[in-house]
Structure formats: structure tokens, C-alpha cells
Amino acid sequence: SNTNNLKRIGKMKPLKLAYSYWLPFKGFSSITLFGFLVRRRDKKNVPVSDKTWTHESIHHAQSQDFHLWYFGYILFYIWYVLEWILKLPSALFGYRPYYSISFEGEAYRNQSNPNYLNERKHFAWLKYVFKLKKR
């Protein structure tokens, strides 16, 4: 497990660790926002697992696919929310909209592979756009 505030994974700048009272929402352990891995303040004494670092670093890499400095993050978040909204009705048919988001598909599938970000191709998440995850 990681005990420092920074962990370089792949070729990108490492995520910086930050804590918040409000984010991520209850039920989630971490969220990646603008180059920061954000955790709830009550998790401050709990080390971030390697799997979580990899998962959140994959999201960081996904946002970098847009290559537009901070505007790339904005495009990533817009796409993320729009895709979730479009997949939300699939819940009526037994699917899981959050896990069906292409960015989450790539991150969950590869979070246990510590070398994934060294092997990852740009826009790898696109192959998950039309996939839905069953309950």
C-alpha cells in the first residue's frame, strides 16, 4: 500500500492526495478531480490501496486523452456525466449505469494490473462506450 502523498504510475505526473469533508459522496472511497485523488477526511489515517491508486490514475490518464490542459478535465467530466445520464435508463432492464460508464469500465477492468498505465493506449476507454454492465 502507498504511504506517501504522491505515487507515479505510468508516464504521467502523479496524482496529488487531498482530503475533503464532502467529496467523494458517501459510498465511494475516492474521486479524481483535476489531478488530485480526493478522499473523505475521515479516511485520512487509512492508506490508499494500490488498486485505488491505479483505478484513479487510470481516470487521470483518461482525462489526459483530451490533451487540452485543464479544459481536458472539463471535457472528461462532461462526457462522464452525459454518458451516465444516457445509460441511466438501462437500470430499468437490470443494468448498472455507473459501472457501464466507459471510463469506469476501463478503470475497473485494469485496476489490478500495476503495469496497465505503461501499456495503455490513448482513448482505450472508447471500447467500453457501447457496453452495459449487468447487475
C-alpha atoms as a PDB file:
ATOM      1  CA  SER A   1       0.000   0.000   0.000  1.00  0.00           C
ATOM      2  CA  ASN A   2       1.045   3.561  -0.639  1.00  0.00           C
ATOM      3  CA  THR A   3       2.024   5.696   2.328  1.00  0.00           C
ATOM      4  CA  ASN A   4       3.356   8.807   0.563  1.00  0.00           C
ATOM      5  CA  ASN A   5       1.231  11.604  -0.817  1.00  0.00           C
ATOM      6  CA  LEU A   6       2.343  11.015  -4.394  1.00  0.00           C
ATOM      7  CA  LYS A   7       2.559   7.897  -6.476  1.00  0.00           C
ATOM      8  CA  ARG A   8       3.777   7.930 -10.051  1.00  0.00           C
ATOM      9  CA  ILE A   9       2.031   5.383 -12.205  1.00  0.00           C
ATOM     10  CA  GLY A  10       2.858   5.224 -15.873  1.00  0.00           C
ATOM     11  CA  LYS A  11       4.313   8.235 -17.686  1.00  0.00           C
ATOM     12  CA  MET A  12       2.051  10.946 -16.279  1.00  0.00           C
ATOM     13  CA  LYS A  13       2.513  13.289 -13.379  1.00  0.00           C
ATOM     14  CA  PRO A  14       1.414  11.587 -10.185  1.00  0.00           C
ATOM     15  CA  LEU A  15      -1.928  12.359  -8.607  1.00  0.00           C
ATOM     16  CA  LYS A  16      -1.713  14.510  -5.510  1.00  0.00           C
ATOM     17  CA  LEU A  17      -3.588  13.281  -2.455  1.00  0.00           C
ATOM     18  CA  ALA A  18      -6.227  15.587  -0.934  1.00  0.00           C
ATOM     19  CA  TYR A  19      -8.994  15.233   1.632  1.00  0.00           C
ATOM     20  CA  SER A  20     -12.482  16.705   1.751  1.00  0.00           C
ATOM     21  CA  TYR A  21     -15.475  16.760   4.081  1.00  0.00           C
ATOM     22  CA  TRP A  22     -17.963  16.448   1.182  1.00  0.00           C
ATOM     23  CA  LEU A  23     -16.248  14.515  -1.592  1.00  0.00           C
ATOM     24  CA  PRO A  24     -16.431  11.832  -2.641  1.00  0.00           C
ATOM     25  CA  PHE A  25     -20.070  11.153  -1.901  1.00  0.00           C
ATOM     26  CA  LYS A  26     -20.799   8.600   0.809  1.00  0.00           C
ATOM     27  CA  GLY A  27     -20.400   5.077  -0.506  1.00  0.00           C
ATOM     28  CA  PHE A  28     -17.346   5.955  -2.610  1.00  0.00           C
ATOM     29  CA  SER A  29     -13.783   5.874  -1.305  1.00  0.00           C
ATOM     30  CA  SER A  30     -12.048   8.186  -3.782  1.00  0.00           C
ATOM     31  CA  ILE A  31     -12.549  10.506  -6.712  1.00  0.00           C
ATOM     32  CA  THR A  32     -10.110  12.058  -9.166  1.00  0.00           C
ATOM     33  CA  LEU A  33     -10.530  15.801  -9.643  1.00  0.00           C
ATOM     34  CA  PHE A  34      -8.153  17.969 -11.661  1.00  0.00           C
ATOM     35  CA  GLY A  35      -5.047  15.911 -10.854  1.00  0.00           C
ATOM     36  CA  PHE A  36      -5.962  15.195  -7.231  1.00  0.00           C
ATOM     37  CA  LEU A  37      -7.006  11.905  -5.696  1.00  0.00           C
ATOM     38  CA  VAL A  38      -9.628  13.170  -3.243  1.00  0.00           C
ATOM     39  CA  ARG A  39     -10.685  11.120  -0.232  1.00  0.00           C
ATOM     40  CA  ARG A  40     -13.103  11.824   2.580  1.00  0.00           C
ATOM     41  CA  ARG A  41     -11.387  13.419   5.562  1.00  0.00           C
ATOM     42  CA  ASP A  42     -12.430  10.520   7.815  1.00  0.00           C
ATOM     43  CA  LYS A  43     -10.170   8.240   5.709  1.00  0.00           C
ATOM     44  CA  LYS A  44      -7.053  10.335   6.389  1.00  0.00           C
ATOM     45  CA  ASN A  45      -5.429   7.625   8.531  1.00  0.00           C
ATOM     46  CA  VAL A  46      -6.335   4.806   6.135  1.00  0.00           C
ATOM     47  CA  PRO A  47      -3.674   4.152   3.463  1.00  0.00           C
ATOM     48  CA  VAL A  48      -4.771   4.330  -0.163  1.00  0.00           C
ATOM     49  CA  SER A  49      -4.585   0.836  -1.668  1.00  0.00           C
ATOM     50  CA  ASP A  50      -2.515   0.180  -4.785  1.00  0.00           C
ATOM     51  CA  LYS A  51      -5.717  -0.860  -6.566  1.00  0.00           C
ATOM     52  CA  THR A  52      -7.342   2.504  -5.751  1.00  0.00           C
ATOM     53  CA  TRP A  53      -4.232   4.430  -6.858  1.00  0.00           C
ATOM     54  CA  THR A  54      -4.257   2.539 -10.152  1.00  0.00           C
ATOM     55  CA  HIS A  55      -8.024   2.973 -10.664  1.00  0.00           C
ATOM     56  CA  GLU A  56      -7.896   6.726 -10.016  1.00  0.00           C
ATOM     57  CA  SER A  57      -4.698   7.117 -12.063  1.00  0.00           C
ATOM     58  CA  ILE A  58      -6.498   5.465 -14.992  1.00  0.00           C
ATOM     59  CA  HIS A  59      -9.175   8.183 -14.694  1.00  0.00           C
ATOM     60  CA  HIS A  60      -6.389  10.775 -14.639  1.00  0.00           C
ATOM     61  CA  ALA A  61      -4.931   9.254 -17.840  1.00  0.00           C
ATOM     62  CA  GLN A  62      -8.393   9.232 -19.428  1.00  0.00           C
ATOM     63  CA  SER A  63      -8.760  12.953 -18.781  1.00  0.00           C
ATOM     64  CA  GLN A  64      -5.324  13.493 -20.336  1.00  0.00           C
ATOM     65  CA  ASP A  65      -6.521  11.780 -23.533  1.00  0.00           C
ATOM     66  CA  PHE A  66      -8.291  15.039 -24.341  1.00  0.00           C
ATOM     67  CA  HIS A  67      -4.876  16.886 -24.389  1.00  0.00           C
ATOM     68  CA  LEU A  68      -6.275  20.284 -23.549  1.00  0.00           C
ATOM     69  CA  TRP A  69      -4.643  21.109 -20.228  1.00  0.00           C
ATOM     70  CA  TYR A  70      -7.371  21.873 -17.660  1.00  0.00           C
ATOM     71  CA  PHE A  71     -10.048  22.087 -20.360  1.00  0.00           C
ATOM     72  CA  GLY A  72      -9.362  18.382 -20.987  1.00  0.00           C
ATOM     73  CA  TYR A  73     -10.572  17.681 -17.470  1.00  0.00           C
ATOM     74  CA  ILE A  74     -13.776  19.598 -18.194  1.00  0.00           C
ATOM     75  CA  LEU A  75     -14.412  17.563 -21.372  1.00  0.00           C
ATOM     76  CA  PHE A  76     -13.749  14.367 -19.412  1.00  0.00           C
ATOM     77  CA  TYR A  77     -16.277  15.305 -16.698  1.00  0.00           C
ATOM     78  CA  ILE A  78     -18.891  16.433 -19.247  1.00  0.00           C
ATOM     79  CA  TRP A  79     -18.531  13.164 -21.184  1.00  0.00           C
ATOM     80  CA  TYR A  80     -18.644  11.177 -17.908  1.00  0.00           C
ATOM     81  CA  VAL A  81     -21.899  12.791 -16.735  1.00  0.00           C
ATOM     82  CA  LEU A  82     -23.561  12.676 -20.160  1.00  0.00           C
ATOM     83  CA  GLU A  83     -22.722   9.012 -20.580  1.00  0.00           C
ATOM     84  CA  TRP A  84     -24.094   8.245 -17.116  1.00  0.00           C
ATOM     85  CA  ILE A  85     -27.322  10.122 -17.916  1.00  0.00           C
ATOM     86  CA  LEU A  86     -27.689   8.286 -21.244  1.00  0.00           C
ATOM     87  CA  LYS A  87     -27.109   4.911 -19.566  1.00  0.00           C
ATOM     88  CA  LEU A  88     -29.335   5.647 -16.554  1.00  0.00           C
ATOM     89  CA  PRO A  89     -32.496   4.223 -18.177  1.00  0.00           C
ATOM     90  CA  SER A  90     -30.678   0.898 -18.640  1.00  0.00           C
ATOM     91  CA  ALA A  91     -31.214   0.339 -14.892  1.00  0.00           C
ATOM     92  CA  LEU A  92     -34.839  -0.477 -15.735  1.00  0.00           C
ATOM     93  CA  PHE A  93     -33.545  -3.510 -17.621  1.00  0.00           C
ATOM     94  CA  GLY A  94     -31.183  -4.824 -14.949  1.00  0.00           C
ATOM     95  CA  TYR A  95     -28.025  -2.943 -15.899  1.00  0.00           C
ATOM     96  CA  ARG A  96     -25.750  -0.849 -13.661  1.00  0.00           C
ATOM     97  CA  PRO A  97     -25.380   2.650 -15.169  1.00  0.00           C
ATOM     98  CA  TYR A  98     -22.387   3.749 -13.050  1.00  0.00           C
ATOM     99  CA  TYR A  99     -20.386   0.597 -13.881  1.00  0.00           C
ATOM    100  CA  SER A 100     -21.456   0.910 -17.524  1.00  0.00           C
ATOM    101  CA  ILE A 101     -19.732   4.282 -17.976  1.00  0.00           C
ATOM    102  CA  SER A 102     -16.856   3.661 -20.400  1.00  0.00           C
ATOM    103  CA  PHE A 103     -14.309   5.335 -18.105  1.00  0.00           C
ATOM    104  CA  GLU A 104     -15.341   3.073 -15.219  1.00  0.00           C
ATOM    105  CA  GLY A 105     -15.297   0.013 -17.488  1.00  0.00           C
ATOM    106  CA  GLU A 106     -11.658   0.592 -18.364  1.00  0.00           C
ATOM    107  CA  ALA A 107     -10.671   1.531 -14.798  1.00  0.00           C
ATOM    108  CA  TYR A 108     -12.358  -1.427 -13.071  1.00  0.00           C
ATOM    109  CA  ARG A 109     -11.129  -3.907 -15.670  1.00  0.00           C
ATOM    110  CA  ASN A 110      -7.496  -2.826 -15.262  1.00  0.00           C
ATOM    111  CA  GLN A 111      -7.171  -1.571 -11.672  1.00  0.00           C
ATOM    112  CA  SER A 112      -5.421  -4.762 -10.523  1.00  0.00           C
ATOM    113  CA  ASN A 113      -2.720  -4.508 -13.194  1.00  0.00           C
ATOM    114  CA  PRO A 114       0.105  -2.333 -11.777  1.00  0.00           C
ATOM    115  CA  ASN A 115       1.669  -2.062 -15.273  1.00  0.00           C
ATOM    116  CA  TYR A 116      -1.517  -1.065 -17.066  1.00  0.00           C
ATOM    117  CA  LEU A 117      -0.709   2.628 -17.427  1.00  0.00           C
ATOM    118  CA  ASN A 118       2.643   1.782 -19.018  1.00  0.00           C
ATOM    119  CA  GLU A 119       0.816  -0.404 -21.575  1.00  0.00           C
ATOM    120  CA  ARG A 120      -2.333   1.720 -22.006  1.00  0.00           C
ATOM    121  CA  LYS A 121      -3.195   3.165 -25.411  1.00  0.00           C
ATOM    122  CA  HIS A 122      -4.781   6.615 -25.660  1.00  0.00           C
ATOM    123  CA  PHE A 123      -8.594   6.527 -25.725  1.00  0.00           C
ATOM    124  CA  ALA A 124      -8.652   2.887 -24.542  1.00  0.00           C
ATOM    125  CA  TRP A 125     -11.956   3.670 -22.804  1.00  0.00           C
ATOM    126  CA  LEU A 126     -13.729   4.040 -26.174  1.00  0.00           C
ATOM    127  CA  LYS A 127     -14.076   0.257 -26.493  1.00  0.00           C
ATOM    128  CA  TYR A 128     -16.381   0.342 -23.438  1.00  0.00           C
ATOM    129  CA  VAL A 129     -18.765   3.061 -24.699  1.00  0.00           C
ATOM    130  CA  PHE A 130     -21.429   0.693 -26.008  1.00  0.00           C
ATOM    131  CA  LYS A 131     -21.090  -1.932 -23.272  1.00  0.00           C
ATOM    132  CA  LEU A 132     -23.544  -2.261 -20.413  1.00  0.00           C
ATOM    133  CA  LYS A 133     -22.762  -3.957 -17.118  1.00  0.00           C
ATOM    134  CA  LYS A 134     -25.391  -6.362 -15.726  1.00  0.00           C
ATOM    135  CA  ARG A 135     -26.309  -6.491 -12.043  1.00  0.00           C
END
